[in-house]
Amino acid sequence: RQGGRLALVGAAAVSLAAYAGSAAAGTTPVESSRYL
């Protein structure tokens, strides 16, 4: 159970970090927010 919770946290953190590090996050945030 705790491992499953940690998996959800880790996947979200990686997704958020990858998007925030992309050029789209700074230039087209309205449409590129779909990446989240």
Full PDB file with SEQRES, HELIX, SHEET, SSBOND, CRYST1, ORIGX, SCALE, CONECT and MASTER records, all heavy atoms in Angstrom:
SEQRES   1 A   36  ARG GLN GLY GLY ARG LEU ALA LEU VAL GLY ALA ALA ALA          
SEQRES   2 A   36  VAL SER LEU ALA ALA TYR ALA GLY SER ALA ALA ALA GLY          
SEQRES   3 A   36  THR THR PRO VAL GLU SER SER ARG TYR LEU                      
HELIX    1 AA1 GLN A    2  ALA A   20  1                                  19    
HELIX    2 AA2 ALA A   23  THR A   27  1                                   5    
HELIX    3 AA3 PRO A   29  SER A   32  1                                   4    
HELIX    4 AA4 SER A   33  TYR A   35  5                                   3    
CRYST1    1.000    1.000    1.000  90.00  90.00  90.00 P 1           1          
ORIGX1      1.000000  0.000000  0.000000        0.00000                         
ORIGX2      0.000000  1.000000  0.000000        0.00000                         
ORIGX3      0.000000  0.000000  1.000000        0.00000                         
SCALE1      1.000000  0.000000  0.000000        0.00000                         
SCALE2      0.000000  1.000000  0.000000        0.00000                         
SCALE3      0.000000  0.000000  1.000000        0.00000                         
ATOM      1  N   ARG A   1       0.826  -1.209   0.000  1.00  0.00           N  
ATOM      2  CA  ARG A   1       0.000   0.000   0.000  1.00  0.00           C  
ATOM      3  C   ARG A   1       0.859   1.257   0.000  1.00  0.00           C  
ATOM      4  O   ARG A   1       0.644   2.182  -0.780  1.00  0.00           O  
ATOM      5  CB  ARG A   1      -0.922   0.009   1.208  1.00  0.00           C  
ATOM      6  CG  ARG A   1      -1.968  -1.088   1.216  1.00  0.00           C  
ATOM      7  CD  ARG A   1      -2.841  -0.965   2.453  1.00  0.00           C  
ATOM      8  NE  ARG A   1      -3.684   0.211   2.402  1.00  0.00           N  
ATOM      9  CZ  ARG A   1      -4.229   0.773   3.483  1.00  0.00           C  
ATOM     10  NH1 ARG A   1      -3.975   0.293   4.683  1.00  0.00           N  
ATOM     11  NH2 ARG A   1      -5.004   1.817   3.360  1.00  0.00           N  
ATOM     12  N   GLN A   2       1.841   1.284   0.881  1.00  0.00           N  
ATOM     13  CA  GLN A   2       2.705   2.460   0.940  1.00  0.00           C  
ATOM     14  C   GLN A   2       3.554   2.583  -0.320  1.00  0.00           C  
ATOM     15  O   GLN A   2       3.823   3.689  -0.796  1.00  0.00           O  
ATOM     16  CB  GLN A   2       3.602   2.400   2.187  1.00  0.00           C  
ATOM     17  CG  GLN A   2       2.840   2.396   3.507  1.00  0.00           C  
ATOM     18  CD  GLN A   2       1.961   3.620   3.688  1.00  0.00           C  
ATOM     19  OE1 GLN A   2       2.249   4.695   3.170  1.00  0.00           O  
ATOM     20  NE2 GLN A   2       0.869   3.464   4.439  1.00  0.00           N  
ATOM     21  N   GLY A   3       3.973   1.448  -0.867  1.00  0.00           N  
ATOM     22  CA  GLY A   3       4.710   1.486  -2.124  1.00  0.00           C  
ATOM     23  C   GLY A   3       3.860   2.027  -3.261  1.00  0.00           C  
ATOM     24  O   GLY A   3       4.350   2.783  -4.116  1.00  0.00           O  
ATOM     25  N   GLY A   4       2.568   1.650  -3.297  1.00  0.00           N  
ATOM     26  CA  GLY A   4       1.664   2.187  -4.299  1.00  0.00           C  
ATOM     27  C   GLY A   4       1.485   3.688  -4.161  1.00  0.00           C  
ATOM     28  O   GLY A   4       1.462   4.423  -5.157  1.00  0.00           O  
ATOM     29  N   ARG A   5       1.370   4.154  -2.908  1.00  0.00           N  
ATOM     30  CA  ARG A   5       1.254   5.601  -2.688  1.00  0.00           C  
ATOM     31  C   ARG A   5       2.522   6.314  -3.167  1.00  0.00           C  
ATOM     32  O   ARG A   5       2.461   7.375  -3.797  1.00  0.00           O  
ATOM     33  CB  ARG A   5       1.033   5.880  -1.197  1.00  0.00           C  
ATOM     34  CG  ARG A   5      -0.258   5.304  -0.640  1.00  0.00           C  
ATOM     35  CD  ARG A   5      -0.392   5.606   0.848  1.00  0.00           C  
ATOM     36  NE  ARG A   5      -1.576   4.978   1.431  1.00  0.00           N  
ATOM     37  CZ  ARG A   5      -2.008   5.177   2.672  1.00  0.00           C  
ATOM     38  NH1 ARG A   5      -1.327   5.986   3.465  1.00  0.00           N  
ATOM     39  NH2 ARG A   5      -3.092   4.571   3.111  1.00  0.00           N  
ATOM     40  N   LEU A   6       3.664   5.724  -2.864  1.00  0.00           N  
ATOM     41  CA  LEU A   6       4.930   6.319  -3.275  1.00  0.00           C  
ATOM     42  C   LEU A   6       5.065   6.317  -4.798  1.00  0.00           C  
ATOM     43  O   LEU A   6       5.641   7.249  -5.384  1.00  0.00           O  
ATOM     44  CB  LEU A   6       6.086   5.552  -2.632  1.00  0.00           C  
ATOM     45  CG  LEU A   6       7.435   6.272  -2.534  1.00  0.00           C  
ATOM     46  CD1 LEU A   6       7.290   7.565  -1.735  1.00  0.00           C  
ATOM     47  CD2 LEU A   6       8.460   5.359  -1.883  1.00  0.00           C  
ATOM     48  N   ALA A   7       4.541   5.295  -5.462  1.00  0.00           N  
ATOM     49  CA  ALA A   7       4.574   5.246  -6.926  1.00  0.00           C  
ATOM     50  C   ALA A   7       3.778   6.407  -7.517  1.00  0.00           C  
ATOM     51  O   ALA A   7       4.217   7.040  -8.495  1.00  0.00           O  
ATOM     52  CB  ALA A   7       4.015   3.912  -7.420  1.00  0.00           C  
ATOM     53  N   LEU A   8       2.610   6.698  -6.952  1.00  0.00           N  
ATOM     54  CA  LEU A   8       1.814   7.823  -7.442  1.00  0.00           C  
ATOM     55  C   LEU A   8       2.542   9.140  -7.235  1.00  0.00           C  
ATOM     56  O   LEU A   8       2.511  10.029  -8.096  1.00  0.00           O  
ATOM     57  CB  LEU A   8       0.459   7.862  -6.729  1.00  0.00           C  
ATOM     58  CG  LEU A   8      -0.486   6.690  -6.978  1.00  0.00           C  
ATOM     59  CD1 LEU A   8      -1.812   6.905  -6.241  1.00  0.00           C  
ATOM     60  CD2 LEU A   8      -0.748   6.495  -8.469  1.00  0.00           C  
ATOM     61  N   VAL A   9       3.203   9.289  -6.099  1.00  0.00           N  
ATOM     62  CA  VAL A   9       3.954  10.518  -5.820  1.00  0.00           C  
ATOM     63  C   VAL A   9       5.127  10.657  -6.784  1.00  0.00           C  
ATOM     64  O   VAL A   9       5.345  11.720  -7.376  1.00  0.00           O  
ATOM     65  CB  VAL A   9       4.457  10.509  -4.365  1.00  0.00           C  
ATOM     66  CG1 VAL A   9       5.432  11.665  -4.126  1.00  0.00           C  
ATOM     67  CG2 VAL A   9       3.289  10.610  -3.393  1.00  0.00           C  
ATOM     68  N   GLY A  10       5.897   9.585  -6.951  1.00  0.00           N  
ATOM     69  CA  GLY A  10       7.069   9.652  -7.811  1.00  0.00           C  
ATOM     70  C   GLY A  10       6.728   9.937  -9.259  1.00  0.00           C  
ATOM     71  O   GLY A  10       7.388  10.752  -9.924  1.00  0.00           O  
ATOM     72  N   ALA A  11       5.687   9.279  -9.773  1.00  0.00           N  
ATOM     73  CA  ALA A  11       5.290   9.504 -11.164  1.00  0.00           C  
ATOM     74  C   ALA A  11       4.829  10.936 -11.382  1.00  0.00           C  
ATOM     75  O   ALA A  11       5.158  11.565 -12.403  1.00  0.00           O  
ATOM     76  CB  ALA A  11       4.192   8.525 -11.566  1.00  0.00           C  
ATOM     77  N   ALA A  12       4.073  11.475 -10.422  1.00  0.00           N  
ATOM     78  CA  ALA A  12       3.618  12.860 -10.543  1.00  0.00           C  
ATOM     79  C   ALA A  12       4.796  13.825 -10.489  1.00  0.00           C  
ATOM     80  O   ALA A  12       4.843  14.802 -11.250  1.00  0.00           O  
ATOM     81  CB  ALA A  12       2.624  13.176  -9.427  1.00  0.00           C  
ATOM     82  N   ALA A  13       5.751  13.573  -9.604  1.00  0.00           N  
ATOM     83  CA  ALA A  13       6.907  14.457  -9.480  1.00  0.00           C  
ATOM     84  C   ALA A  13       7.729  14.470 -10.765  1.00  0.00           C  
ATOM     85  O   ALA A  13       8.167  15.533 -11.232  1.00  0.00           O  
ATOM     86  CB  ALA A  13       7.771  14.016  -8.295  1.00  0.00           C  
ATOM     87  N   VAL A  14       7.938  13.305 -11.357  1.00  0.00           N  
ATOM     88  CA  VAL A  14       8.707  13.230 -12.612  1.00  0.00           C  
ATOM     89  C   VAL A  14       7.951  13.941 -13.734  1.00  0.00           C  
ATOM     90  O   VAL A  14       8.545  14.693 -14.530  1.00  0.00           O  
ATOM     91  CB  VAL A  14       8.997  11.767 -12.980  1.00  0.00           C  
ATOM     92  CG1 VAL A  14       9.601  11.670 -14.376  1.00  0.00           C  
ATOM     93  CG2 VAL A  14       9.939  11.140 -11.956  1.00  0.00           C  
ATOM     94  N   SER A  15       6.650  13.719 -13.827  1.00  0.00           N  
ATOM     95  CA  SER A  15       5.852  14.374 -14.875  1.00  0.00           C  
ATOM     96  C   SER A  15       5.902  15.888 -14.737  1.00  0.00           C  
ATOM     97  O   SER A  15       6.075  16.612 -15.727  1.00  0.00           O  
ATOM     98  CB  SER A  15       4.401  13.897 -14.805  1.00  0.00           C  
ATOM     99  OG  SER A  15       4.301  12.504 -15.033  1.00  0.00           O  
ATOM    100  N   LEU A  16       5.754  16.376 -13.510  1.00  0.00           N  
ATOM    101  CA  LEU A  16       5.761  17.818 -13.272  1.00  0.00           C  
ATOM    102  C   LEU A  16       7.132  18.421 -13.574  1.00  0.00           C  
ATOM    103  O   LEU A  16       7.233  19.480 -14.204  1.00  0.00           O  
ATOM    104  CB  LEU A  16       5.356  18.108 -11.830  1.00  0.00           C  
ATOM    105  CG  LEU A  16       5.265  19.582 -11.425  1.00  0.00           C  
ATOM    106  CD1 LEU A  16       4.249  20.316 -12.294  1.00  0.00           C  
ATOM    107  CD2 LEU A  16       4.886  19.697  -9.950  1.00  0.00           C  
ATOM    108  N   ALA A  17       8.189  17.747 -13.143  1.00  0.00           N  
ATOM    109  CA  ALA A  17       9.537  18.255 -13.387  1.00  0.00           C  
ATOM    110  C   ALA A  17       9.857  18.275 -14.885  1.00  0.00           C  
ATOM    111  O   ALA A  17      10.460  19.232 -15.386  1.00  0.00           O  
ATOM    112  CB  ALA A  17      10.560  17.400 -12.636  1.00  0.00           C  
ATOM    113  N   ALA A  18       9.455  17.225 -15.599  1.00  0.00           N  
ATOM    114  CA  ALA A  18       9.711  17.171 -17.040  1.00  0.00           C  
ATOM    115  C   ALA A  18       8.992  18.293 -17.774  1.00  0.00           C  
ATOM    116  O   ALA A  18       9.546  18.930 -18.685  1.00  0.00           O  
ATOM    117  CB  ALA A  18       9.293  15.810 -17.595  1.00  0.00           C  
ATOM    118  N   TYR A  19       7.752  18.562 -17.383  1.00  0.00           N  
ATOM    119  CA  TYR A  19       7.002  19.629 -18.041  1.00  0.00           C  
ATOM    120  C   TYR A  19       7.573  21.000 -17.697  1.00  0.00           C  
ATOM    121  O   TYR A  19       7.763  21.845 -18.582  1.00  0.00           O  
ATOM    122  CB  TYR A  19       5.531  19.557 -17.638  1.00  0.00           C  
ATOM    123  CG  TYR A  19       4.731  20.730 -18.137  1.00  0.00           C  
ATOM    124  CD1 TYR A  19       4.655  21.021 -19.495  1.00  0.00           C  
ATOM    125  CD2 TYR A  19       4.057  21.572 -17.248  1.00  0.00           C  
ATOM    126  CE1 TYR A  19       3.927  22.109 -19.958  1.00  0.00           C  
ATOM    127  CE2 TYR A  19       3.327  22.655 -17.706  1.00  0.00           C  
ATOM    128  CZ  TYR A  19       3.264  22.917 -19.054  1.00  0.00           C  
ATOM    129  OH  TYR A  19       2.547  24.005 -19.516  1.00  0.00           O  
ATOM    130  N   ALA A  20       7.870  21.221 -16.428  1.00  0.00           N  
ATOM    131  CA  ALA A  20       8.405  22.521 -16.021  1.00  0.00           C  
ATOM    132  C   ALA A  20       9.762  22.805 -16.667  1.00  0.00           C  
ATOM    133  O   ALA A  20      10.138  23.962 -16.847  1.00  0.00           O  
ATOM    134  CB  ALA A  20       8.526  22.590 -14.503  1.00  0.00           C  
ATOM    135  N   GLY A  21      10.487  21.764 -17.031  1.00  0.00           N  
ATOM    136  CA  GLY A  21      11.771  21.951 -17.680  1.00  0.00           C  
ATOM    137  C   GLY A  21      11.694  22.118 -19.178  1.00  0.00           C  
ATOM    138  O   GLY A  21      12.723  22.339 -19.834  1.00  0.00           O  
ATOM    139  N   SER A  22      10.503  22.045 -19.749  1.00  0.00           N  
ATOM    140  CA  SER A  22      10.346  22.136 -21.202  1.00  0.00           C  
ATOM    141  C   SER A  22      10.151  23.579 -21.637  1.00  0.00           C  
ATOM    142  O   SER A  22       9.716  24.438 -20.852  1.00  0.00           O  
ATOM    143  CB  SER A  22       9.148  21.297 -21.664  1.00  0.00           C  
ATOM    144  OG  SER A  22       7.934  21.873 -21.210  1.00  0.00           O  
ATOM    145  N   ALA A  23      10.462  23.842 -22.906  1.00  0.00           N  
ATOM    146  CA  ALA A  23      10.256  25.180 -23.448  1.00  0.00           C  
ATOM    147  C   ALA A  23       8.779  25.544 -23.480  1.00  0.00           C  
ATOM    148  O   ALA A  23       8.410  26.699 -23.268  1.00  0.00           O  
ATOM    149  CB  ALA A  23      10.856  25.267 -24.850  1.00  0.00           C  
ATOM    150  N   ALA A  24       7.909  24.547 -23.708  1.00  0.00           N  
ATOM    151  CA  ALA A  24       6.472  24.813 -23.832  1.00  0.00           C  
ATOM    152  C   ALA A  24       5.892  25.399 -22.551  1.00  0.00           C  
ATOM    153  O   ALA A  24       4.957  26.201 -22.600  1.00  0.00           O  
ATOM    154  CB  ALA A  24       5.735  23.526 -24.193  1.00  0.00           C  
ATOM    155  N   ALA A  25       6.431  25.007 -21.394  1.00  0.00           N  
ATOM    156  CA  ALA A  25       5.901  25.515 -20.130  1.00  0.00           C  
ATOM    157  C   ALA A  25       6.036  27.021 -20.027  1.00  0.00           C  
ATOM    158  O   ALA A  25       5.182  27.696 -19.429  1.00  0.00           O  
ATOM    159  CB  ALA A  25       6.615  24.847 -18.954  1.00  0.00           C  
ATOM    160  N   GLY A  26       7.094  27.581 -20.616  1.00  0.00           N  
ATOM    161  CA  GLY A  26       7.299  29.014 -20.543  1.00  0.00           C  
ATOM    162  C   GLY A  26       6.677  29.792 -21.678  1.00  0.00           C  
ATOM    163  O   GLY A  26       6.335  30.962 -21.516  1.00  0.00           O  
ATOM    164  N   THR A  27       6.493  29.151 -22.833  1.00  0.00           N  
ATOM    165  CA  THR A  27       6.028  29.881 -24.023  1.00  0.00           C  
ATOM    166  C   THR A  27       4.545  29.712 -24.306  1.00  0.00           C  
ATOM    167  O   THR A  27       3.882  30.645 -24.745  1.00  0.00           O  
ATOM    168  CB  THR A  27       6.837  29.433 -25.256  1.00  0.00           C  
ATOM    169  OG1 THR A  27       6.726  28.013 -25.412  1.00  0.00           O  
ATOM    170  CG2 THR A  27       8.306  29.801 -25.095  1.00  0.00           C  
ATOM    171  N   THR A  28       3.995  28.502 -24.093  1.00  0.00           N  
ATOM    172  CA  THR A  28       2.570  28.254 -24.402  1.00  0.00           C  
ATOM    173  C   THR A  28       1.892  27.513 -23.249  1.00  0.00           C  
ATOM    174  O   THR A  28       1.392  26.404 -23.428  1.00  0.00           O  
ATOM    175  CB  THR A  28       2.439  27.425 -25.693  1.00  0.00           C  
ATOM    176  OG1 THR A  28       3.177  26.186 -25.531  1.00  0.00           O  
ATOM    177  CG2 THR A  28       2.980  28.177 -26.885  1.00  0.00           C  
ATOM    178  N   PRO A  29       1.869  28.097 -22.054  1.00  0.00           N  
ATOM    179  CA  PRO A  29       1.360  27.350 -20.894  1.00  0.00           C  
ATOM    180  C   PRO A  29      -0.122  27.017 -20.960  1.00  0.00           C  
ATOM    181  O   PRO A  29      -0.551  26.015 -20.377  1.00  0.00           O  
ATOM    182  CB  PRO A  29       1.667  28.280 -19.717  1.00  0.00           C  
ATOM    183  CG  PRO A  29       1.732  29.650 -20.319  1.00  0.00           C  
ATOM    184  CD  PRO A  29       2.306  29.450 -21.688  1.00  0.00           C  
ATOM    185  N   VAL A  30      -0.918  27.822 -21.660  1.00  0.00           N  
ATOM    186  CA  VAL A  30      -2.359  27.552 -21.691  1.00  0.00           C  
ATOM    187  C   VAL A  30      -2.645  26.223 -22.376  1.00  0.00           C  
ATOM    188  O   VAL A  30      -3.325  25.348 -21.822  1.00  0.00           O  
ATOM    189  CB  VAL A  30      -3.107  28.699 -22.393  1.00  0.00           C  
ATOM    190  CG1 VAL A  30      -4.586  28.329 -22.583  1.00  0.00           C  
ATOM    191  CG2 VAL A  30      -3.002  29.987 -21.584  1.00  0.00           C  
ATOM    192  N   GLU A  31      -2.116  26.038 -23.574  1.00  0.00           N  
ATOM    193  CA  GLU A  31      -2.377  24.795 -24.298  1.00  0.00           C  
ATOM    194  C   GLU A  31      -1.469  23.656 -23.858  1.00  0.00           C  
ATOM    195  O   GLU A  31      -1.890  22.507 -23.792  1.00  0.00           O  
ATOM    196  CB  GLU A  31      -2.224  25.037 -25.803  1.00  0.00           C  
ATOM    197  CG  GLU A  31      -3.422  25.712 -26.442  1.00  0.00           C  
ATOM    198  CD  GLU A  31      -4.720  24.946 -26.197  1.00  0.00           C  
ATOM    199  OE1 GLU A  31      -4.748  23.713 -26.362  1.00  0.00           O  
ATOM    200  OE2 GLU A  31      -5.715  25.585 -25.827  1.00  0.00           O  
ATOM    201  N   SER A  32      -0.217  23.963 -23.546  1.00  0.00           N  
ATOM    202  CA  SER A  32       0.700  22.876 -23.184  1.00  0.00           C  
ATOM    203  C   SER A  32       0.450  22.333 -21.784  1.00  0.00           C  
ATOM    204  O   SER A  32       1.020  21.309 -21.415  1.00  0.00           O  
ATOM    205  CB  SER A  32       2.157  23.340 -23.308  1.00  0.00           C  
ATOM    206  OG  SER A  32       2.443  24.373 -22.387  1.00  0.00           O  
ATOM    207  N   SER A  33      -0.413  22.972 -20.998  1.00  0.00           N  
ATOM    208  CA  SER A  33      -0.754  22.408 -19.684  1.00  0.00           C  
ATOM    209  C   SER A  33      -1.413  21.038 -19.820  1.00  0.00           C  
ATOM    210  O   SER A  33      -1.521  20.299 -18.835  1.00  0.00           O  
ATOM    211  CB  SER A  33      -1.682  23.358 -18.917  1.00  0.00           C  
ATOM    212  OG  SER A  33      -2.912  23.533 -19.608  1.00  0.00           O  
ATOM    213  N   ARG A  34      -1.831  20.687 -21.038  1.00  0.00           N  
ATOM    214  CA  ARG A  34      -2.384  19.349 -21.257  1.00  0.00           C  
ATOM    215  C   ARG A  34      -1.336  18.271 -20.988  1.00  0.00           C  
ATOM    216  O   ARG A  34      -1.671  17.107 -20.761  1.00  0.00           O  
ATOM    217  CB  ARG A  34      -2.910  19.213 -22.687  1.00  0.00           C  
ATOM    218  CG  ARG A  34      -1.839  19.263 -23.770  1.00  0.00           C  
ATOM    219  CD  ARG A  34      -2.485  19.275 -25.162  1.00  0.00           C  
ATOM    220  NE  ARG A  34      -1.504  19.209 -26.246  1.00  0.00           N  
ATOM    221  CZ  ARG A  34      -0.891  20.255 -26.762  1.00  0.00           C  
ATOM    222  NH1 ARG A  34      -1.152  21.468 -26.259  1.00  0.00           N  
ATOM    223  NH2 ARG A  34      -0.017  20.121 -27.734  1.00  0.00           N  
ATOM    224  N   TYR A  35      -0.054  18.646 -21.012  1.00  0.00           N  
ATOM    225  CA  TYR A  35       0.999  17.681 -20.745  1.00  0.00           C  
ATOM    226  C   TYR A  35       0.978  17.194 -19.294  1.00  0.00           C  
ATOM    227  O   TYR A  35       1.662  16.230 -18.956  1.00  0.00           O  
ATOM    228  CB  TYR A  35       2.373  18.280 -21.061  1.00  0.00           C  
ATOM    229  CG  TYR A  35       2.564  18.676 -22.505  1.00  0.00           C  
ATOM    230  CD1 TYR A  35       3.379  19.738 -22.862  1.00  0.00           C  
ATOM    231  CD2 TYR A  35       1.908  17.990 -23.536  1.00  0.00           C  
ATOM    232  CE1 TYR A  35       3.547  20.107 -24.194  1.00  0.00           C  
ATOM    233  CE2 TYR A  35       2.071  18.351 -24.855  1.00  0.00           C  
ATOM    234  CZ  TYR A  35       2.890  19.421 -25.180  1.00  0.00           C  
ATOM    235  OH  TYR A  35       3.048  19.773 -26.499  1.00  0.00           O  
ATOM    236  N   LEU A  36       0.214  17.865 -18.449  1.00  0.00           N  
ATOM    237  CA  LEU A  36       0.067  17.444 -17.049  1.00  0.00           C  
ATOM    238  C   LEU A  36      -1.186  16.596 -16.849  1.00  0.00           C  
ATOM    239  O   LEU A  36      -1.590  16.358 -15.709  1.00  0.00           O  
ATOM    240  CB  LEU A  36       0.008  18.670 -16.131  1.00  0.00           C  
ATOM    241  CG  LEU A  36       1.279  19.519 -16.068  1.00  0.00           C  
ATOM    242  CD1 LEU A  36       1.052  20.731 -15.180  1.00  0.00           C  
ATOM    243  CD2 LEU A  36       2.452  18.693 -15.562  1.00  0.00           C  
TER     244      LEU A  36                                                      
MASTER        0    0    0    4    0    0    0    6  243    1    0    3          
END                                                                             
